[in-house]
Amino acid sequence: MSQTSKLAGPVFIICILASVAGFAWFQFVYMPEVNKEIEIPEEFLNPAESTIIDIVLGSIDQDQVDNFVPNAISVTLGENNRVTWINIDEVIHTVTAEVGREFEKVAGNANYLDPEGGEFTFVFVEPGEYTYFCAPHPWMRGTVTVVEPAA
C-alpha cells in the first residue's frame, strides 16, 4: 500500500471537520452579529417636532435659486428629526437619496410627490449628512445634517 492512500483518509476527515467548524462559526457566531437588530430610542422614533421642507412654485426652472426651501437643514435626534417634504409646485417632483444608509433604502428610488400638496416624510435615526435631489430635475438638491442631542 502506498503512502498516499494512508494519508487520504485522515486528510479527508480533517477537511470535513474544518468545514463543519467553519459552517458552525458562520451560522452561530458571524450571522447573529450581522443580523442583530439595532435598538433605536423611542424619542428618536417619535420626535416632539417635525421639520418641513417646501418644494416651491417654479422649481422646474433651472435658473430659480430656491427649490427646496430650506435646502440645507440641521436636525437633532429626538427633537425635530422627522422631516416632511411638501410639493407646492404645479409639477411632480421627487425626494431621491444620494447618500445615507437607511434614508437611501427608503428614498433611494424616487418618491414621487404629486403637485400641489404631495408629501414624503422620513424619520432620521442616525447622525450624519444626508443629501438628496429631485430625479427629474437634478439641479434641485438639498442636505439634511442630523446631529446627536446635547448631553
N, C-alpha and C. Protein backbone atom coordinates (compact mmCIF):
# COMPACT_ATOMS: atom_id res chain seq x y z
N MET A 1 0.85 -1.17 0.00
CA MET A 1 0.00 0.00 0.00
C MET A 1 0.90 1.24 0.00
N SER A 2 0.50 2.24 -0.80
CA SER A 2 1.35 3.42 -0.91
C SER A 2 1.10 4.41 0.23
N GLN A 3 2.05 5.32 0.39
CA GLN A 3 1.97 6.33 1.45
C GLN A 3 0.77 7.26 1.22
N THR A 4 0.45 7.56 -0.03
CA THR A 4 -0.66 8.46 -0.35
C THR A 4 -1.99 7.91 0.15
N SER A 5 -2.24 6.66 -0.04
CA SER A 5 -3.52 6.08 0.38
C SER A 5 -3.66 6.06 1.90
N LYS A 6 -2.54 5.99 2.64
CA LYS A 6 -2.61 6.01 4.11
C LYS A 6 -2.97 7.39 4.64
N LEU A 7 -2.60 8.46 3.91
CA LEU A 7 -2.89 9.83 4.34
C LEU A 7 -4.24 10.35 3.84
N ALA A 8 -4.77 9.75 2.81
CA ALA A 8 -6.00 10.26 2.20
C ALA A 8 -7.16 10.25 3.19
N GLY A 9 -7.33 9.20 3.97
CA GLY A 9 -8.44 9.11 4.93
C GLY A 9 -8.37 10.19 5.99
N PRO A 10 -7.23 10.30 6.72
CA PRO A 10 -7.15 11.34 7.75
C PRO A 10 -7.27 12.77 7.18
N VAL A 11 -6.71 13.04 6.01
CA VAL A 11 -6.82 14.37 5.39
C VAL A 11 -8.28 14.65 5.06
N PHE A 12 -8.97 13.64 4.54
CA PHE A 12 -10.38 13.80 4.21
C PHE A 12 -11.19 14.12 5.47
N ILE A 13 -10.94 13.41 6.56
CA ILE A 13 -11.64 13.63 7.82
C ILE A 13 -11.35 15.04 8.35
N ILE A 14 -10.10 15.47 8.29
CA ILE A 14 -9.72 16.81 8.75
C ILE A 14 -10.44 17.88 7.93
N CYS A 15 -10.55 17.69 6.63
CA CYS A 15 -11.26 18.64 5.75
C CYS A 15 -12.74 18.72 6.12
N ILE A 16 -13.35 17.58 6.38
CA ILE A 16 -14.76 17.55 6.78
C ILE A 16 -14.95 18.29 8.10
N LEU A 17 -14.10 18.00 9.09
CA LEU A 17 -14.20 18.66 10.39
C LEU A 17 -13.98 20.17 10.28
N ALA A 18 -13.01 20.58 9.46
CA ALA A 18 -12.76 22.01 9.26
C ALA A 18 -13.97 22.68 8.61
N SER A 19 -14.60 22.00 7.66
CA SER A 19 -15.79 22.55 7.00
C SER A 19 -16.94 22.70 8.00
N VAL A 20 -17.15 21.71 8.82
CA VAL A 20 -18.22 21.76 9.82
C VAL A 20 -17.95 22.89 10.82
N ALA A 21 -16.69 23.01 11.26
CA ALA A 21 -16.34 24.08 12.20
C ALA A 21 -16.55 25.45 11.56
N GLY A 22 -16.16 25.60 10.32
CA GLY A 22 -16.35 26.88 9.61
C GLY A 22 -17.81 27.21 9.46
N PHE A 23 -18.62 26.23 9.08
CA PHE A 23 -20.05 26.45 8.95
C PHE A 23 -20.67 26.83 10.29
N ALA A 24 -20.29 26.12 11.34
CA ALA A 24 -20.82 26.41 12.67
C ALA A 24 -20.47 27.83 13.11
N TRP A 25 -19.24 28.25 12.89
CA TRP A 25 -18.84 29.62 13.24
C TRP A 25 -19.67 30.63 12.46
N PHE A 26 -19.82 30.40 11.16
CA PHE A 26 -20.58 31.32 10.31
C PHE A 26 -22.03 31.40 10.79
N GLN A 27 -22.63 30.26 11.05
CA GLN A 27 -24.05 30.19 11.40
C GLN A 27 -24.35 30.72 12.80
N PHE A 28 -23.48 30.41 13.77
CA PHE A 28 -23.81 30.71 15.16
C PHE A 28 -23.04 31.88 15.77
N VAL A 29 -22.00 32.36 15.10
CA VAL A 29 -21.23 33.49 15.62
C VAL A 29 -21.37 34.70 14.69
N TYR A 30 -21.02 34.52 13.42
CA TYR A 30 -20.99 35.65 12.48
C TYR A 30 -22.39 36.17 12.14
N MET A 31 -23.30 35.31 11.72
CA MET A 31 -24.63 35.75 11.27
C MET A 31 -25.44 36.42 12.37
N PRO A 32 -25.49 35.91 13.59
CA PRO A 32 -26.26 36.64 14.62
C PRO A 32 -25.73 38.05 14.85
N GLU A 33 -24.43 38.24 14.77
CA GLU A 33 -23.85 39.57 14.96
C GLU A 33 -24.23 40.50 13.81
N VAL A 34 -24.18 39.99 12.60
CA VAL A 34 -24.51 40.80 11.42
C VAL A 34 -25.99 41.16 11.40
N ASN A 35 -26.85 40.23 11.78
CA ASN A 35 -28.29 40.43 11.72
C ASN A 35 -28.90 41.00 12.99
N LYS A 36 -28.05 41.37 13.94
CA LYS A 36 -28.53 41.91 15.21
C LYS A 36 -29.35 43.17 14.96
N GLU A 37 -30.52 43.25 15.56
CA GLU A 37 -31.37 44.40 15.39
C GLU A 37 -30.85 45.56 16.24
N ILE A 38 -30.77 46.71 15.63
CA ILE A 38 -30.29 47.90 16.33
C ILE A 38 -31.43 48.49 17.14
N GLU A 39 -31.16 48.77 18.39
CA GLU A 39 -32.18 49.38 19.23
C GLU A 39 -32.13 50.89 19.08
N ILE A 40 -33.26 51.44 18.70
CA ILE A 40 -33.36 52.88 18.49
C ILE A 40 -34.22 53.46 19.61
N PRO A 41 -33.73 54.48 20.31
CA PRO A 41 -34.51 55.07 21.40
C PRO A 41 -35.86 55.58 20.90
N GLU A 42 -36.87 55.41 21.73
CA GLU A 42 -38.24 55.81 21.38
C GLU A 42 -38.34 57.30 21.02
N GLU A 43 -37.57 58.13 21.72
CA GLU A 43 -37.64 59.58 21.42
C GLU A 43 -37.08 59.91 20.04
N PHE A 44 -36.20 59.06 19.49
CA PHE A 44 -35.72 59.26 18.13
C PHE A 44 -36.80 58.92 17.12
N LEU A 45 -37.61 57.89 17.44
CA LEU A 45 -38.66 57.45 16.52
C LEU A 45 -39.87 58.37 16.54
N ASN A 46 -40.11 59.02 17.66
CA ASN A 46 -41.26 59.91 17.80
C ASN A 46 -40.81 61.28 18.31
N PRO A 47 -40.14 62.06 17.47
CA PRO A 47 -39.65 63.36 17.93
C PRO A 47 -40.80 64.32 18.26
N ALA A 48 -40.50 65.27 19.12
CA ALA A 48 -41.51 66.23 19.57
C ALA A 48 -41.98 67.14 18.43
N GLU A 49 -41.09 67.47 17.51
CA GLU A 49 -41.41 68.39 16.42
C GLU A 49 -41.06 67.77 15.07
N SER A 50 -41.64 68.34 14.03
CA SER A 50 -41.29 67.96 12.66
C SER A 50 -40.62 69.14 11.97
N THR A 51 -39.86 68.82 10.96
CA THR A 51 -39.23 69.85 10.15
C THR A 51 -39.85 69.77 8.76
N ILE A 52 -40.24 70.91 8.22
CA ILE A 52 -40.91 70.96 6.91
C ILE A 52 -39.95 71.56 5.88
N ILE A 53 -39.88 70.90 4.72
CA ILE A 53 -39.14 71.44 3.58
C ILE A 53 -40.15 71.58 2.44
N ASP A 54 -40.30 72.79 1.93
CA ASP A 54 -41.23 73.03 0.82
C ASP A 54 -40.51 72.94 -0.51
N ILE A 55 -41.19 72.36 -1.48
CA ILE A 55 -40.73 72.42 -2.87
C ILE A 55 -41.56 73.53 -3.49
N VAL A 56 -40.92 74.67 -3.72
CA VAL A 56 -41.65 75.89 -4.04
C VAL A 56 -42.10 75.96 -5.50
N LEU A 57 -43.07 76.81 -5.72
CA LEU A 57 -43.62 77.05 -7.05
C LEU A 57 -42.52 77.51 -8.00
N GLY A 58 -42.46 76.92 -9.18
CA GLY A 58 -41.47 77.30 -10.19
C GLY A 58 -40.14 76.57 -10.06
N SER A 59 -40.09 75.53 -9.25
CA SER A 59 -38.83 74.81 -9.04
C SER A 59 -38.32 74.12 -10.30
N ILE A 60 -39.18 73.95 -11.27
CA ILE A 60 -38.78 73.31 -12.53
C ILE A 60 -37.80 74.18 -13.31
N ASP A 61 -37.78 75.48 -13.00
CA ASP A 61 -36.89 76.43 -13.68
C ASP A 61 -35.47 76.30 -13.11
N GLN A 62 -34.51 75.95 -14.00
CA GLN A 62 -33.12 75.78 -13.56
C GLN A 62 -32.51 77.07 -13.03
N ASP A 63 -33.01 78.21 -13.47
CA ASP A 63 -32.45 79.49 -13.04
C ASP A 63 -32.99 79.95 -11.69
N GLN A 64 -34.02 79.29 -11.20
CA GLN A 64 -34.58 79.66 -9.90
C GLN A 64 -33.62 79.23 -8.80
N VAL A 65 -33.30 80.13 -7.91
CA VAL A 65 -32.33 79.85 -6.85
C VAL A 65 -32.91 78.91 -5.80
N ASP A 66 -34.13 79.17 -5.38
CA ASP A 66 -34.76 78.38 -4.32
C ASP A 66 -35.65 77.31 -4.92
N ASN A 67 -35.36 76.05 -4.56
CA ASN A 67 -36.19 74.93 -4.99
C ASN A 67 -36.73 74.19 -3.76
N PHE A 68 -35.82 73.57 -3.01
CA PHE A 68 -36.16 73.00 -1.71
C PHE A 68 -35.91 74.12 -0.69
N VAL A 69 -36.95 74.51 0.05
CA VAL A 69 -36.79 75.62 0.99
C VAL A 69 -37.16 75.15 2.38
N PRO A 70 -36.21 75.17 3.30
CA PRO A 70 -34.78 75.43 3.11
C PRO A 70 -34.09 74.23 2.46
N ASN A 71 -32.99 74.47 1.77
CA ASN A 71 -32.32 73.36 1.08
C ASN A 71 -31.21 72.72 1.90
N ALA A 72 -30.81 73.35 2.99
CA ALA A 72 -29.82 72.76 3.91
C ALA A 72 -30.35 72.97 5.32
N ILE A 73 -30.60 71.85 6.01
CA ILE A 73 -31.12 71.96 7.37
C ILE A 73 -30.29 71.10 8.31
N SER A 74 -30.38 71.43 9.58
CA SER A 74 -29.76 70.63 10.62
C SER A 74 -30.86 70.24 11.60
N VAL A 75 -30.95 68.94 11.88
CA VAL A 75 -31.96 68.45 12.82
C VAL A 75 -31.26 67.70 13.95
N THR A 76 -31.93 67.65 15.09
CA THR A 76 -31.38 66.98 16.27
C THR A 76 -32.22 65.75 16.58
N LEU A 77 -31.55 64.62 16.78
CA LEU A 77 -32.24 63.38 17.09
C LEU A 77 -33.10 63.55 18.33
N GLY A 78 -34.35 63.11 18.25
CA GLY A 78 -35.27 63.18 19.37
C GLY A 78 -35.97 64.51 19.52
N GLU A 79 -35.60 65.50 18.73
CA GLU A 79 -36.23 66.82 18.83
C GLU A 79 -37.04 67.15 17.58
N ASN A 80 -36.36 67.16 16.43
CA ASN A 80 -37.04 67.55 15.18
C ASN A 80 -36.54 66.73 13.99
N ASN A 81 -36.24 65.45 14.23
CA ASN A 81 -35.64 64.61 13.19
C ASN A 81 -36.65 63.97 12.24
N ARG A 82 -37.93 64.30 12.38
CA ARG A 82 -38.94 63.88 11.39
C ARG A 82 -39.01 65.00 10.36
N VAL A 83 -38.67 64.67 9.11
CA VAL A 83 -38.62 65.68 8.06
C VAL A 83 -39.70 65.36 7.03
N THR A 84 -40.49 66.37 6.67
CA THR A 84 -41.53 66.22 5.66
C THR A 84 -41.27 67.19 4.53
N TRP A 85 -41.24 66.64 3.32
CA TRP A 85 -41.12 67.45 2.11
C TRP A 85 -42.52 67.62 1.54
N ILE A 86 -42.92 68.86 1.23
CA ILE A 86 -44.24 69.15 0.68
C ILE A 86 -44.06 69.82 -0.67
N ASN A 87 -44.69 69.25 -1.69
CA ASN A 87 -44.60 69.80 -3.04
C ASN A 87 -45.72 70.82 -3.25
N ILE A 88 -45.34 72.11 -3.29
CA ILE A 88 -46.34 73.15 -3.55
C ILE A 88 -46.28 73.59 -5.02
N ASP A 89 -45.39 72.97 -5.77
CA ASP A 89 -45.24 73.30 -7.19
C ASP A 89 -46.39 72.67 -7.99
N GLU A 90 -46.43 73.00 -9.27
CA GLU A 90 -47.50 72.51 -10.15
C GLU A 90 -47.10 71.27 -10.95
N VAL A 91 -45.88 70.75 -10.72
CA VAL A 91 -45.41 69.56 -11.42
C VAL A 91 -44.93 68.52 -10.41
N ILE A 92 -44.81 67.28 -10.85
CA ILE A 92 -44.33 66.21 -9.97
C ILE A 92 -42.85 66.41 -9.68
N HIS A 93 -42.47 66.20 -8.43
CA HIS A 93 -41.07 66.23 -8.00
C HIS A 93 -40.80 64.96 -7.21
N THR A 94 -39.53 64.72 -6.88
CA THR A 94 -39.16 63.58 -6.05
C THR A 94 -38.20 64.02 -4.96
N VAL A 95 -38.09 63.18 -3.96
CA VAL A 95 -37.02 63.28 -2.96
C VAL A 95 -36.25 61.98 -3.11
N THR A 96 -35.08 62.06 -3.74
CA THR A 96 -34.29 60.87 -4.04
C THR A 96 -32.98 60.96 -3.29
N ALA A 97 -32.70 59.96 -2.46
CA ALA A 97 -31.49 59.96 -1.65
C ALA A 97 -30.25 59.79 -2.50
N GLU A 98 -29.22 60.55 -2.16
CA GLU A 98 -27.94 60.40 -2.84
C GLU A 98 -27.01 59.55 -1.99
N VAL A 99 -26.92 59.89 -0.72
CA VAL A 99 -26.06 59.16 0.20
C VAL A 99 -26.76 59.11 1.55
N GLY A 100 -26.63 57.97 2.25
CA GLY A 100 -27.14 57.95 3.61
C GLY A 100 -27.92 56.73 4.00
N ARG A 101 -27.29 55.70 4.33
CA ARG A 101 -27.79 54.46 4.92
C ARG A 101 -29.30 54.23 4.79
N GLU A 102 -30.04 54.28 5.89
CA GLU A 102 -31.48 53.97 5.87
C GLU A 102 -32.24 54.91 4.95
N PHE A 103 -31.86 56.16 4.92
CA PHE A 103 -32.54 57.13 4.06
C PHE A 103 -32.46 56.67 2.61
N GLU A 104 -31.32 56.10 2.24
CA GLU A 104 -31.14 55.64 0.86
C GLU A 104 -32.06 54.47 0.54
N LYS A 105 -32.32 53.59 1.53
CA LYS A 105 -33.22 52.46 1.30
C LYS A 105 -34.64 52.95 1.03
N VAL A 106 -35.08 53.96 1.78
CA VAL A 106 -36.45 54.44 1.65
C VAL A 106 -36.59 55.43 0.50
N ALA A 107 -35.63 56.35 0.38
CA ALA A 107 -35.74 57.39 -0.64
C ALA A 107 -34.79 57.15 -1.81
N GLY A 108 -34.17 55.99 -1.86
CA GLY A 108 -33.23 55.70 -2.94
C GLY A 108 -33.90 55.68 -4.29
N ASN A 109 -35.04 55.01 -4.37
CA ASN A 109 -35.83 55.07 -5.58
C ASN A 109 -36.77 56.25 -5.41
N ALA A 110 -36.89 57.00 -6.48
CA ALA A 110 -37.63 58.25 -6.40
C ALA A 110 -38.99 58.09 -5.74
N ASN A 111 -39.27 58.98 -4.79
CA ASN A 111 -40.59 59.08 -4.17
C ASN A 111 -41.32 60.21 -4.87
N TYR A 112 -42.27 59.88 -5.68
CA TYR A 112 -42.97 60.91 -6.46
C TYR A 112 -43.94 61.66 -5.58
N LEU A 113 -43.80 62.97 -5.57
CA LEU A 113 -44.68 63.84 -4.80
C LEU A 113 -45.62 64.52 -5.79
N ASP A 114 -46.90 64.26 -5.63
CA ASP A 114 -47.89 64.86 -6.51
C ASP A 114 -47.85 66.38 -6.42
N PRO A 115 -48.23 67.05 -7.51
CA PRO A 115 -48.27 68.51 -7.50
C PRO A 115 -49.28 69.02 -6.48
N GLU A 116 -49.02 70.23 -6.01
CA GLU A 116 -49.93 70.97 -5.13
C GLU A 116 -50.33 70.20 -3.89
N GLY A 117 -49.33 69.73 -3.14
CA GLY A 117 -49.62 69.15 -1.83
C GLY A 117 -49.10 67.76 -1.56
N GLY A 118 -48.45 67.11 -2.52
CA GLY A 118 -47.90 65.78 -2.27
C GLY A 118 -46.82 65.85 -1.19
N GLU A 119 -46.75 64.81 -0.34
CA GLU A 119 -45.81 64.81 0.78
C GLU A 119 -45.00 63.53 0.83
N PHE A 120 -43.79 63.64 1.39
CA PHE A 120 -42.95 62.49 1.72
C PHE A 120 -42.32 62.79 3.08
N THR A 121 -42.44 61.84 4.01
CA THR A 121 -41.90 62.03 5.36
C THR A 121 -40.90 60.93 5.67
N PHE A 122 -39.81 61.33 6.33
CA PHE A 122 -38.79 60.37 6.75
C PHE A 122 -38.31 60.76 8.14
N VAL A 123 -38.12 59.75 9.02
CA VAL A 123 -37.60 59.98 10.36
C VAL A 123 -36.15 59.52 10.37
N PHE A 124 -35.23 60.45 10.56
CA PHE A 124 -33.80 60.15 10.62
C PHE A 124 -33.47 59.64 12.02
N VAL A 125 -32.73 58.53 12.10
CA VAL A 125 -32.41 57.94 13.40
C VAL A 125 -30.91 57.78 13.64
N GLU A 126 -30.09 58.19 12.67
CA GLU A 126 -28.64 58.12 12.82
C GLU A 126 -28.03 59.46 12.47
N PRO A 127 -27.02 59.90 13.24
CA PRO A 127 -26.35 61.15 12.90
C PRO A 127 -25.62 61.01 11.56
N GLY A 128 -25.46 62.11 10.87
CA GLY A 128 -24.74 62.10 9.60
C GLY A 128 -25.27 63.17 8.67
N GLU A 129 -24.68 63.21 7.49
CA GLU A 129 -25.11 64.17 6.47
C GLU A 129 -25.78 63.39 5.35
N TYR A 130 -27.00 63.74 5.03
CA TYR A 130 -27.80 63.06 4.03
C TYR A 130 -28.12 64.04 2.90
N THR A 131 -27.73 63.69 1.69
CA THR A 131 -28.00 64.55 0.56
C THR A 131 -29.08 63.93 -0.31
N TYR A 132 -29.86 64.78 -0.95
CA TYR A 132 -30.95 64.32 -1.79
C TYR A 132 -31.12 65.26 -2.98
N PHE A 133 -31.89 64.80 -3.96
CA PHE A 133 -32.15 65.61 -5.15
C PHE A 133 -33.49 65.20 -5.73
N CYS A 134 -33.94 65.94 -6.74
CA CYS A 134 -35.16 65.62 -7.46
C CYS A 134 -34.74 64.89 -8.73
N ALA A 135 -35.20 63.65 -8.92
CA ALA A 135 -34.75 62.83 -10.05
C ALA A 135 -35.05 63.48 -11.41
N PRO A 136 -36.27 63.99 -11.67
CA PRO A 136 -36.48 64.60 -12.99
C PRO A 136 -35.83 65.97 -13.15
N HIS A 137 -35.46 66.59 -12.04
CA HIS A 137 -34.86 67.93 -12.08
C HIS A 137 -33.60 67.92 -11.21
N PRO A 138 -32.52 67.33 -11.69
CA PRO A 138 -31.34 67.07 -10.84
C PRO A 138 -30.63 68.32 -10.32
N TRP A 139 -30.95 69.49 -10.82
CA TRP A 139 -30.36 70.72 -10.27
C TRP A 139 -30.97 71.06 -8.91
N MET A 140 -32.09 70.43 -8.59
CA MET A 140 -32.72 70.64 -7.28
C MET A 140 -32.03 69.71 -6.29
N ARG A 141 -31.32 70.29 -5.32
CA ARG A 141 -30.55 69.50 -4.37
C ARG A 141 -30.73 70.04 -2.96
N GLY A 142 -30.56 69.14 -1.99
CA GLY A 142 -30.65 69.57 -0.60
C GLY A 142 -29.85 68.66 0.30
N THR A 143 -29.69 69.11 1.54
CA THR A 143 -28.90 68.36 2.54
C THR A 143 -29.61 68.42 3.89
N VAL A 144 -29.63 67.27 4.54
CA VAL A 144 -30.13 67.19 5.92
C VAL A 144 -28.94 66.73 6.77
N THR A 145 -28.56 67.53 7.74
CA THR A 145 -27.50 67.17 8.68
C THR A 145 -28.17 66.78 9.99
N VAL A 146 -27.90 65.56 10.43
CA VAL A 146 -28.51 65.03 11.65
C VAL A 146 -27.44 64.98 12.74
N VAL A 147 -27.75 65.60 13.89
CA VAL A 147 -26.79 65.64 14.99
C VAL A 147 -27.37 64.98 16.23
N GLU A 148 -26.49 64.51 17.10
CA GLU A 148 -26.87 63.91 18.38
C GLU A 148 -27.44 65.01 19.30
N PRO A 149 -28.34 64.66 20.20
CA PRO A 149 -28.81 65.66 21.16
C PRO A 149 -27.69 66.05 22.12
N ALA A 150 -27.76 67.29 22.60
CA ALA A 150 -26.76 67.76 23.55
C ALA A 150 -26.90 66.97 24.86
N ALA A 151 -25.77 66.64 25.43
CA ALA A 151 -25.77 65.82 26.66
C ALA A 151 -26.22 66.60 27.86
